[in-house]
N, C-alpha and C. Protein backbone atom coordinates (compact mmCIF):
# COMPACT_ATOMS: atom_id res chain seq x y z
N MET A 1 -10.89 23.77 16.76
CA MET A 1 -10.83 24.91 15.82
C MET A 1 -11.34 24.49 14.47
N SER A 2 -12.29 25.20 13.90
CA SER A 2 -12.88 24.67 12.66
C SER A 2 -12.01 25.17 11.45
N HIS A 3 -12.01 24.49 10.42
CA HIS A 3 -11.26 24.85 9.15
C HIS A 3 -12.17 25.53 8.26
N PRO A 4 -11.68 26.60 7.64
CA PRO A 4 -12.57 27.21 6.53
C PRO A 4 -12.96 26.41 5.42
N SER A 5 -14.16 26.69 4.92
CA SER A 5 -14.55 25.94 3.71
C SER A 5 -13.77 26.31 2.58
N THR A 6 -13.79 25.42 1.59
CA THR A 6 -13.06 25.74 0.35
C THR A 6 -13.93 26.14 -0.79
N LEU A 7 -13.44 27.11 -1.52
CA LEU A 7 -14.29 27.68 -2.59
C LEU A 7 -13.43 27.55 -3.89
N THR A 8 -14.16 27.30 -5.03
CA THR A 8 -13.56 27.19 -6.25
C THR A 8 -13.78 28.58 -6.94
N VAL A 9 -12.65 29.24 -7.28
CA VAL A 9 -12.77 30.53 -8.03
C VAL A 9 -12.08 30.54 -9.25
N ARG A 10 -12.39 31.47 -10.13
CA ARG A 10 -11.87 31.62 -11.44
C ARG A 10 -11.07 32.99 -11.41
N VAL A 11 -9.93 33.02 -12.00
CA VAL A 11 -9.09 34.27 -12.07
C VAL A 11 -9.76 35.04 -13.26
N ALA A 12 -10.54 36.05 -12.86
CA ALA A 12 -11.27 36.79 -13.89
C ALA A 12 -10.30 37.82 -14.49
N ARG A 13 -9.34 38.31 -13.77
CA ARG A 13 -8.38 39.29 -14.34
C ARG A 13 -7.12 39.23 -13.54
N LYS A 14 -6.05 39.28 -14.26
CA LYS A 14 -4.62 39.50 -13.75
C LYS A 14 -4.03 40.72 -14.26
N GLN A 15 -3.73 41.62 -13.36
CA GLN A 15 -3.19 42.97 -13.85
C GLN A 15 -1.93 43.37 -13.05
N ARG A 16 -1.01 44.00 -13.83
CA ARG A 16 0.13 44.62 -13.18
C ARG A 16 -0.24 45.80 -12.53
N GLU A 17 0.10 45.96 -11.18
CA GLU A 17 -0.25 47.07 -10.37
C GLU A 17 0.97 47.97 -10.23
N ALA A 18 2.17 47.43 -10.18
CA ALA A 18 3.53 48.21 -10.02
C ALA A 18 4.55 47.28 -10.31
N LEU A 19 5.81 47.66 -10.23
CA LEU A 19 6.89 46.87 -10.51
C LEU A 19 6.92 45.59 -9.53
N ASP A 20 6.85 44.43 -10.20
CA ASP A 20 6.86 43.17 -9.54
C ASP A 20 5.60 42.89 -8.62
N ILE A 21 4.51 43.62 -8.90
CA ILE A 21 3.26 43.46 -8.08
C ILE A 21 2.17 43.21 -9.12
N ASP A 22 1.54 42.06 -9.09
CA ASP A 22 0.39 41.77 -9.82
C ASP A 22 -0.88 41.63 -9.00
N SER A 23 -1.97 42.08 -9.44
CA SER A 23 -3.34 41.81 -8.72
C SER A 23 -4.05 40.69 -9.38
N PHE A 24 -4.90 40.07 -8.72
CA PHE A 24 -5.74 39.01 -9.24
C PHE A 24 -7.14 39.20 -8.77
N GLU A 25 -8.08 39.23 -9.71
CA GLU A 25 -9.45 39.34 -9.45
C GLU A 25 -10.11 37.97 -9.48
N LEU A 26 -10.64 37.52 -8.38
CA LEU A 26 -11.09 36.16 -8.25
C LEU A 26 -12.65 36.19 -8.12
N VAL A 27 -13.39 35.45 -9.01
CA VAL A 27 -14.80 35.32 -8.93
C VAL A 27 -15.24 33.95 -8.66
N ALA A 28 -16.44 33.67 -8.19
CA ALA A 28 -16.88 32.17 -7.95
C ALA A 28 -16.90 31.63 -9.24
N ALA A 29 -16.37 30.31 -9.37
CA ALA A 29 -16.42 29.58 -10.70
C ALA A 29 -17.91 29.32 -11.03
N ASN A 30 -18.72 29.13 -10.10
CA ASN A 30 -20.19 28.76 -10.45
C ASN A 30 -21.04 30.04 -10.60
N GLY A 31 -20.41 31.18 -10.53
CA GLY A 31 -21.15 32.47 -10.80
C GLY A 31 -22.02 32.91 -9.58
N GLU A 32 -21.97 32.20 -8.46
CA GLU A 32 -22.70 32.57 -7.27
C GLU A 32 -21.91 33.68 -6.54
N PRO A 33 -22.73 34.39 -5.69
CA PRO A 33 -21.89 35.43 -4.77
C PRO A 33 -20.91 34.67 -3.90
N LEU A 34 -19.71 35.38 -3.63
CA LEU A 34 -18.85 34.93 -2.68
C LEU A 34 -19.14 35.25 -1.29
N PRO A 35 -18.72 34.61 -0.17
CA PRO A 35 -18.98 34.90 1.16
C PRO A 35 -18.59 36.40 1.49
N VAL A 36 -19.33 37.04 2.28
CA VAL A 36 -18.99 38.35 2.65
C VAL A 36 -17.82 38.37 3.55
N PHE A 37 -16.96 39.38 3.41
CA PHE A 37 -15.79 39.42 4.30
C PHE A 37 -15.68 40.83 4.92
N THR A 38 -14.81 40.87 5.98
CA THR A 38 -14.63 42.16 6.63
C THR A 38 -13.22 42.66 6.40
N ALA A 39 -13.03 44.01 6.52
CA ALA A 39 -11.75 44.73 6.26
C ALA A 39 -10.68 44.11 7.18
N GLY A 40 -9.60 43.67 6.46
CA GLY A 40 -8.47 43.01 7.02
C GLY A 40 -8.43 41.51 6.86
N ALA A 41 -9.42 40.99 6.15
CA ALA A 41 -9.56 39.50 6.01
C ALA A 41 -8.52 39.02 4.96
N HIS A 42 -8.20 37.70 5.08
CA HIS A 42 -7.36 37.07 4.06
C HIS A 42 -7.99 35.72 3.73
N VAL A 43 -7.44 35.14 2.61
CA VAL A 43 -7.85 33.83 2.13
C VAL A 43 -6.59 33.04 1.98
N ASP A 44 -6.79 31.67 2.07
CA ASP A 44 -5.68 30.81 1.77
C ASP A 44 -5.90 30.43 0.30
N VAL A 45 -4.73 30.50 -0.58
CA VAL A 45 -4.84 30.16 -1.90
C VAL A 45 -4.01 28.84 -2.18
N HIS A 46 -4.63 27.84 -2.85
CA HIS A 46 -3.94 26.60 -3.09
C HIS A 46 -3.40 26.86 -4.53
N LEU A 47 -2.01 26.82 -4.54
CA LEU A 47 -1.34 27.17 -5.78
C LEU A 47 -0.94 25.94 -6.51
N PRO A 48 -0.60 26.08 -7.80
CA PRO A 48 -0.04 24.99 -8.61
C PRO A 48 1.19 24.47 -7.82
N GLY A 49 1.37 23.09 -7.87
CA GLY A 49 2.51 22.51 -7.25
C GLY A 49 2.28 22.21 -5.81
N GLY A 50 1.06 22.40 -5.29
CA GLY A 50 0.70 22.00 -4.00
C GLY A 50 1.02 23.08 -2.86
N LEU A 51 1.42 24.21 -3.29
CA LEU A 51 1.68 25.23 -2.26
C LEU A 51 0.46 25.91 -1.76
N LEU A 52 0.45 26.38 -0.57
CA LEU A 52 -0.62 27.05 0.11
C LEU A 52 -0.09 28.39 0.75
N ARG A 53 -0.65 29.44 0.23
CA ARG A 53 -0.28 30.77 0.74
C ARG A 53 -1.45 31.61 1.11
N GLN A 54 -1.20 32.53 2.05
CA GLN A 54 -2.29 33.40 2.53
C GLN A 54 -2.04 34.83 1.82
N TYR A 55 -3.20 35.41 1.35
CA TYR A 55 -3.11 36.66 0.74
C TYR A 55 -4.31 37.47 1.26
N SER A 56 -3.98 38.77 1.65
CA SER A 56 -5.12 39.68 2.16
C SER A 56 -6.01 40.18 1.02
N LEU A 57 -7.25 40.21 1.36
CA LEU A 57 -8.12 40.85 0.34
C LEU A 57 -8.04 42.42 0.33
N CYS A 58 -8.01 42.99 -0.79
CA CYS A 58 -7.80 44.41 -0.96
C CYS A 58 -8.93 45.10 -1.59
N ASN A 59 -9.96 44.47 -1.99
CA ASN A 59 -11.01 45.18 -2.47
C ASN A 59 -12.00 45.70 -1.37
N PRO A 60 -12.96 46.55 -1.70
CA PRO A 60 -13.80 47.05 -0.67
C PRO A 60 -14.58 45.95 0.09
N PRO A 61 -14.60 45.94 1.40
CA PRO A 61 -15.28 44.88 2.09
C PRO A 61 -16.69 44.83 1.84
N GLY A 62 -17.25 43.68 1.93
CA GLY A 62 -18.75 43.55 1.57
C GLY A 62 -18.93 43.16 0.13
N GLU A 63 -18.02 43.31 -0.74
CA GLU A 63 -18.24 42.98 -2.09
C GLU A 63 -18.34 41.53 -2.19
N THR A 64 -19.35 40.97 -2.77
CA THR A 64 -19.54 39.49 -2.98
C THR A 64 -19.43 39.04 -4.45
N HIS A 65 -19.19 39.96 -5.32
CA HIS A 65 -19.05 39.63 -6.81
C HIS A 65 -17.64 39.24 -7.10
N ARG A 66 -16.58 39.61 -6.22
CA ARG A 66 -15.28 39.37 -6.48
C ARG A 66 -14.44 39.44 -5.18
N TYR A 67 -13.21 38.84 -5.20
CA TYR A 67 -12.20 39.14 -4.26
C TYR A 67 -11.05 39.58 -5.08
N GLN A 68 -10.28 40.49 -4.48
CA GLN A 68 -9.05 41.00 -5.16
C GLN A 68 -7.91 40.79 -4.17
N ILE A 69 -6.77 40.22 -4.63
CA ILE A 69 -5.54 40.02 -3.86
C ILE A 69 -4.40 40.64 -4.74
N ALA A 70 -3.32 40.91 -4.18
CA ALA A 70 -2.20 41.36 -4.85
C ALA A 70 -0.88 40.73 -4.28
N VAL A 71 0.00 40.30 -5.15
CA VAL A 71 1.05 39.50 -4.88
C VAL A 71 2.46 40.20 -5.41
N LEU A 72 3.36 40.31 -4.43
CA LEU A 72 4.64 40.80 -4.79
C LEU A 72 5.55 39.65 -5.19
N ARG A 73 6.14 39.73 -6.39
CA ARG A 73 7.18 38.75 -6.84
C ARG A 73 8.42 38.91 -5.91
N ASP A 74 8.67 37.91 -5.05
CA ASP A 74 9.76 37.99 -4.15
C ASP A 74 10.97 37.18 -4.62
N ALA A 75 12.06 37.71 -4.81
CA ALA A 75 13.26 37.11 -5.29
C ALA A 75 13.67 36.02 -4.40
N HIS A 76 13.30 36.08 -3.13
CA HIS A 76 13.70 34.97 -2.10
C HIS A 76 12.46 34.11 -1.85
N SER A 77 11.53 33.97 -2.80
CA SER A 77 10.38 33.33 -2.57
C SER A 77 10.69 31.80 -2.33
N ARG A 78 9.82 31.15 -1.54
CA ARG A 78 9.89 29.70 -1.45
C ARG A 78 8.99 29.13 -2.43
N GLY A 79 8.44 29.83 -3.47
CA GLY A 79 7.74 29.33 -4.56
C GLY A 79 6.35 29.89 -4.71
N GLY A 80 5.74 30.52 -3.68
CA GLY A 80 4.39 31.02 -3.67
C GLY A 80 4.29 32.18 -4.69
N SER A 81 5.06 33.27 -4.46
CA SER A 81 4.93 34.36 -5.24
C SER A 81 5.35 34.14 -6.75
N GLN A 82 6.35 33.14 -6.88
CA GLN A 82 6.65 32.89 -8.31
C GLN A 82 5.61 32.10 -8.94
N ALA A 83 4.91 31.24 -8.22
CA ALA A 83 3.91 30.45 -8.83
C ALA A 83 2.69 31.41 -9.18
N MET A 84 2.40 32.35 -8.30
CA MET A 84 1.22 33.29 -8.77
C MET A 84 1.66 34.20 -9.93
N HIS A 85 2.86 34.59 -10.02
CA HIS A 85 3.30 35.35 -11.14
C HIS A 85 3.51 34.62 -12.50
N ASP A 86 4.00 33.45 -12.35
CA ASP A 86 4.41 32.68 -13.57
C ASP A 86 3.45 31.58 -13.99
N LEU A 87 2.76 31.16 -13.09
CA LEU A 87 1.78 29.93 -13.46
C LEU A 87 0.33 30.31 -13.48
N VAL A 88 -0.06 31.32 -12.65
CA VAL A 88 -1.53 31.61 -12.55
C VAL A 88 -1.85 32.69 -13.64
N LYS A 89 -2.88 32.43 -14.40
CA LYS A 89 -3.27 33.44 -15.43
C LYS A 89 -4.72 33.60 -15.46
N ALA A 90 -5.25 34.67 -16.10
CA ALA A 90 -6.72 34.88 -16.20
C ALA A 90 -7.33 33.67 -16.92
N GLY A 91 -8.49 33.24 -16.36
CA GLY A 91 -9.14 32.07 -16.82
C GLY A 91 -8.94 30.85 -15.96
N ASP A 92 -7.84 30.75 -15.22
CA ASP A 92 -7.50 29.65 -14.47
C ASP A 92 -8.42 29.50 -13.26
N THR A 93 -8.66 28.26 -12.71
CA THR A 93 -9.42 28.08 -11.55
C THR A 93 -8.44 27.72 -10.43
N LEU A 94 -8.81 28.19 -9.19
CA LEU A 94 -8.08 27.95 -8.07
C LEU A 94 -8.96 27.57 -6.88
N GLN A 95 -8.48 26.89 -5.93
CA GLN A 95 -9.19 26.61 -4.71
C GLN A 95 -8.67 27.66 -3.64
N ILE A 96 -9.60 28.29 -2.98
CA ILE A 96 -9.27 29.19 -1.85
C ILE A 96 -10.14 28.85 -0.67
N SER A 97 -9.85 29.35 0.49
CA SER A 97 -10.58 29.19 1.68
C SER A 97 -11.58 30.38 1.75
N SER A 98 -12.58 30.17 2.56
CA SER A 98 -13.46 31.33 2.89
C SER A 98 -12.60 32.28 3.54
N PRO A 99 -12.97 33.59 3.44
CA PRO A 99 -12.16 34.71 4.15
C PRO A 99 -12.22 34.49 5.68
N ARG A 100 -11.16 34.78 6.36
CA ARG A 100 -11.15 34.88 7.78
C ARG A 100 -10.39 36.08 8.18
N ASN A 101 -10.53 36.58 9.36
CA ASN A 101 -9.91 37.71 9.69
C ASN A 101 -9.23 37.68 11.18
N HIS A 102 -7.95 37.90 11.21
CA HIS A 102 -7.24 38.02 12.50
C HIS A 102 -6.68 39.45 12.60
N PHE A 103 -7.21 40.43 11.86
CA PHE A 103 -6.65 41.72 11.77
C PHE A 103 -7.72 42.62 11.63
N GLU A 104 -8.72 42.67 12.48
CA GLU A 104 -9.88 43.56 12.38
C GLU A 104 -9.69 44.96 12.81
N LEU A 105 -10.44 45.86 12.26
CA LEU A 105 -10.55 47.24 12.69
C LEU A 105 -11.28 47.39 14.02
N VAL A 106 -10.97 48.28 14.77
CA VAL A 106 -11.62 48.67 15.96
C VAL A 106 -12.73 49.64 15.61
N PRO A 107 -14.13 49.04 15.62
CA PRO A 107 -15.13 49.88 14.96
C PRO A 107 -15.45 51.19 15.67
N ASP A 108 -15.16 51.32 16.99
CA ASP A 108 -15.60 52.48 17.72
C ASP A 108 -14.47 53.41 18.13
N ALA A 109 -13.33 53.25 17.37
CA ALA A 109 -12.16 54.15 17.52
C ALA A 109 -12.52 55.52 17.06
N GLN A 110 -12.01 56.56 17.81
CA GLN A 110 -12.24 57.94 17.33
C GLN A 110 -11.55 58.30 16.12
N ARG A 111 -10.32 57.72 15.98
CA ARG A 111 -9.51 58.04 14.82
C ARG A 111 -8.64 56.77 14.57
N HIS A 112 -8.42 56.56 13.28
CA HIS A 112 -7.51 55.44 12.84
C HIS A 112 -6.35 55.96 12.02
N VAL A 113 -5.18 55.46 12.37
CA VAL A 113 -3.89 55.84 11.64
C VAL A 113 -3.45 54.47 11.12
N LEU A 114 -3.45 54.35 9.84
CA LEU A 114 -3.07 53.13 9.21
C LEU A 114 -1.52 53.40 8.57
N LEU A 115 -0.66 52.39 8.92
CA LEU A 115 0.70 52.55 8.37
C LEU A 115 1.06 51.33 7.54
N ALA A 116 1.27 51.59 6.27
CA ALA A 116 1.54 50.44 5.34
C ALA A 116 2.94 50.65 4.75
N GLY A 117 3.51 49.38 4.58
CA GLY A 117 4.85 49.40 3.95
C GLY A 117 4.82 48.48 2.76
N GLY A 118 5.01 48.92 1.59
CA GLY A 118 5.07 48.07 0.39
C GLY A 118 3.78 47.35 0.20
N ILE A 119 3.94 45.98 -0.14
CA ILE A 119 2.73 45.16 -0.40
C ILE A 119 1.82 44.99 0.81
N GLY A 120 2.38 45.44 2.00
CA GLY A 120 1.60 45.31 3.22
C GLY A 120 0.41 46.27 3.17
N VAL A 121 0.30 46.97 2.10
CA VAL A 121 -0.78 47.98 1.90
C VAL A 121 -2.19 47.14 1.66
N THR A 122 -2.09 45.89 1.36
CA THR A 122 -3.38 45.19 0.85
C THR A 122 -4.31 45.20 1.95
N PRO A 123 -4.15 44.71 3.15
CA PRO A 123 -5.28 44.70 4.10
C PRO A 123 -5.68 46.07 4.64
N LEU A 124 -4.66 47.01 4.58
CA LEU A 124 -4.92 48.41 4.99
C LEU A 124 -5.77 49.13 3.86
N LEU A 125 -5.53 48.84 2.73
CA LEU A 125 -6.36 49.43 1.61
C LEU A 125 -7.80 48.98 1.82
N CYS A 126 -8.05 47.77 2.16
CA CYS A 126 -9.36 47.32 2.33
C CYS A 126 -10.01 48.05 3.52
N MET A 127 -9.20 48.22 4.66
CA MET A 127 -9.56 48.89 5.84
C MET A 127 -9.96 50.34 5.46
N ALA A 128 -9.13 51.03 4.72
CA ALA A 128 -9.37 52.47 4.32
C ALA A 128 -10.62 52.55 3.46
N GLU A 129 -10.94 51.58 2.66
CA GLU A 129 -12.21 51.54 1.85
C GLU A 129 -13.28 51.48 2.76
N GLN A 130 -13.28 50.61 3.85
CA GLN A 130 -14.30 50.57 4.93
C GLN A 130 -14.48 51.79 5.65
N LEU A 131 -13.30 52.44 6.03
CA LEU A 131 -13.38 53.70 6.85
C LEU A 131 -13.93 54.88 6.04
N VAL A 132 -13.61 54.99 4.80
CA VAL A 132 -14.04 56.00 3.90
C VAL A 132 -15.59 55.89 3.74
N SER A 133 -16.05 54.60 3.55
CA SER A 133 -17.54 54.42 3.29
C SER A 133 -18.32 54.79 4.59
N THR A 134 -17.69 54.76 5.76
CA THR A 134 -18.49 55.09 6.96
C THR A 134 -18.11 56.49 7.45
N ALA A 135 -17.45 57.27 6.69
CA ALA A 135 -17.02 58.69 6.99
C ALA A 135 -16.26 58.69 8.30
N ALA A 136 -15.41 57.68 8.59
CA ALA A 136 -14.70 57.68 9.77
C ALA A 136 -13.54 58.58 9.67
N ASN A 137 -12.89 58.99 10.81
CA ASN A 137 -11.78 59.81 10.88
C ASN A 137 -10.45 58.92 10.70
N PHE A 138 -9.75 59.06 9.66
CA PHE A 138 -8.56 58.18 9.46
C PHE A 138 -7.60 58.88 8.49
N GLU A 139 -6.40 58.24 8.56
CA GLU A 139 -5.34 58.64 7.66
C GLU A 139 -4.54 57.35 7.42
N LEU A 140 -3.98 57.27 6.13
CA LEU A 140 -3.19 56.13 5.70
C LEU A 140 -1.82 56.61 5.19
N HIS A 141 -0.76 56.14 5.85
CA HIS A 141 0.58 56.52 5.52
C HIS A 141 1.15 55.28 4.76
N TYR A 142 1.39 55.46 3.45
CA TYR A 142 1.89 54.40 2.54
C TYR A 142 3.33 54.58 2.25
N CYS A 143 4.19 53.84 2.78
CA CYS A 143 5.60 53.85 2.55
C CYS A 143 6.11 52.82 1.59
N VAL A 144 6.83 53.37 0.58
CA VAL A 144 7.30 52.41 -0.50
C VAL A 144 8.66 52.85 -0.89
N ARG A 145 9.48 51.86 -1.37
CA ARG A 145 10.80 52.12 -1.86
C ARG A 145 10.84 53.22 -2.99
N SER A 146 10.02 53.12 -3.96
CA SER A 146 9.99 53.98 -5.11
C SER A 146 8.54 54.04 -5.55
N ARG A 147 8.33 55.16 -6.28
CA ARG A 147 6.87 55.33 -6.95
C ARG A 147 6.60 54.16 -7.86
N GLU A 148 7.63 53.68 -8.60
CA GLU A 148 7.23 52.53 -9.57
C GLU A 148 6.93 51.31 -8.90
N ARG A 149 7.13 51.16 -7.54
CA ARG A 149 6.74 50.01 -6.73
C ARG A 149 5.50 50.25 -5.96
N THR A 150 4.79 51.34 -6.23
CA THR A 150 3.56 51.73 -5.45
C THR A 150 2.31 51.11 -6.18
N ALA A 151 1.81 50.06 -5.51
CA ALA A 151 0.64 49.37 -6.05
C ALA A 151 -0.62 50.21 -5.74
N PHE A 152 -1.50 50.30 -6.62
CA PHE A 152 -2.76 50.97 -6.38
C PHE A 152 -2.71 52.47 -6.29
N GLU A 153 -1.59 53.08 -6.80
CA GLU A 153 -1.58 54.48 -6.68
C GLU A 153 -2.58 55.16 -7.35
N ALA A 154 -2.96 54.80 -8.61
CA ALA A 154 -4.01 55.47 -9.40
C ALA A 154 -5.31 55.20 -8.67
N ARG A 155 -5.58 53.98 -8.32
CA ARG A 155 -6.86 53.62 -7.65
C ARG A 155 -7.09 54.58 -6.48
N ILE A 156 -6.07 54.85 -5.64
CA ILE A 156 -6.14 55.71 -4.50
C ILE A 156 -6.34 57.07 -4.92
N ALA A 157 -5.59 57.60 -5.87
CA ALA A 157 -5.63 58.99 -6.24
C ALA A 157 -6.94 59.37 -6.87
N ASN A 158 -7.61 58.42 -7.47
CA ASN A 158 -8.87 58.58 -8.24
C ASN A 158 -10.16 58.30 -7.37
N SER A 159 -9.99 58.12 -6.06
CA SER A 159 -11.04 57.68 -5.26
C SER A 159 -11.25 58.65 -4.11
N ARG A 160 -12.27 58.28 -3.23
CA ARG A 160 -12.52 59.07 -2.02
C ARG A 160 -11.44 58.90 -1.04
N LEU A 161 -10.52 57.87 -1.24
CA LEU A 161 -9.41 57.63 -0.32
C LEU A 161 -8.36 58.83 -0.42
N ALA A 162 -8.24 59.40 -1.55
CA ALA A 162 -7.07 60.32 -1.84
C ALA A 162 -6.82 61.29 -0.77
N PRO A 163 -7.84 62.06 -0.27
CA PRO A 163 -7.45 63.03 0.79
C PRO A 163 -6.93 62.47 2.17
N HIS A 164 -7.15 61.20 2.28
CA HIS A 164 -6.77 60.53 3.52
C HIS A 164 -5.36 59.84 3.39
N VAL A 165 -4.85 59.77 2.26
CA VAL A 165 -3.55 58.95 2.06
C VAL A 165 -2.42 59.92 1.80
N LYS A 166 -1.27 59.52 2.55
CA LYS A 166 -0.04 60.32 2.34
C LYS A 166 1.06 59.27 1.83
N PHE A 167 1.58 59.40 0.58
CA PHE A 167 2.53 58.52 0.26
C PHE A 167 4.04 59.02 0.62
N HIS A 168 4.86 57.99 0.97
CA HIS A 168 6.21 58.30 1.45
C HIS A 168 7.10 57.32 0.58
N TRP A 169 8.00 57.90 -0.32
CA TRP A 169 8.75 57.13 -1.17
C TRP A 169 10.26 57.35 -0.66
N ASP A 170 11.05 56.22 -0.47
CA ASP A 170 12.28 56.29 0.04
C ASP A 170 13.28 57.11 -0.93
N ASP A 171 12.95 57.03 -2.18
CA ASP A 171 13.72 57.82 -3.20
C ASP A 171 13.15 59.22 -3.44
N GLY A 172 12.10 59.64 -2.73
CA GLY A 172 11.44 60.83 -2.91
C GLY A 172 11.91 61.96 -2.09
N PRO A 173 11.21 63.05 -1.98
CA PRO A 173 11.62 64.16 -1.18
C PRO A 173 11.56 63.76 0.27
N ALA A 174 12.44 64.40 1.06
CA ALA A 174 12.55 64.12 2.48
C ALA A 174 11.32 64.51 3.25
């Protein structure tokens, strides 16, 4: 089994997406395009302190000018989410793997139903971006504890994804 190559990236932007969720926009440190990825792909991120964590890419697939990941601050973290939230900031450089995908879309499906829970929306958001770009028949159900914990709500609402996405909040209407 081959190991993915390592890339040096710069954190171009760190942004609060929802309560306890930050997104990180990663760009190649050398300014070159990043490797192409497919919907559902993830990267290994080498964190301060020697930790290694996997995060799904959540920007539209095929973008080579950036990768976007989002990280939930987990109170029961073994250190990865805390390192991302507390130690990684805009301007920092990180080592990541090339994207790889163990969670691919079935390209010839007649219909896709995507079910996301909380931060698990990240690979599905990328998939929804792919599906909307190809005019595929799909719906995304995004289940979250509360509206304040809903990452990317504005991004979804202000995009071509909006008609395909149904939000379900535990503290919302039945």
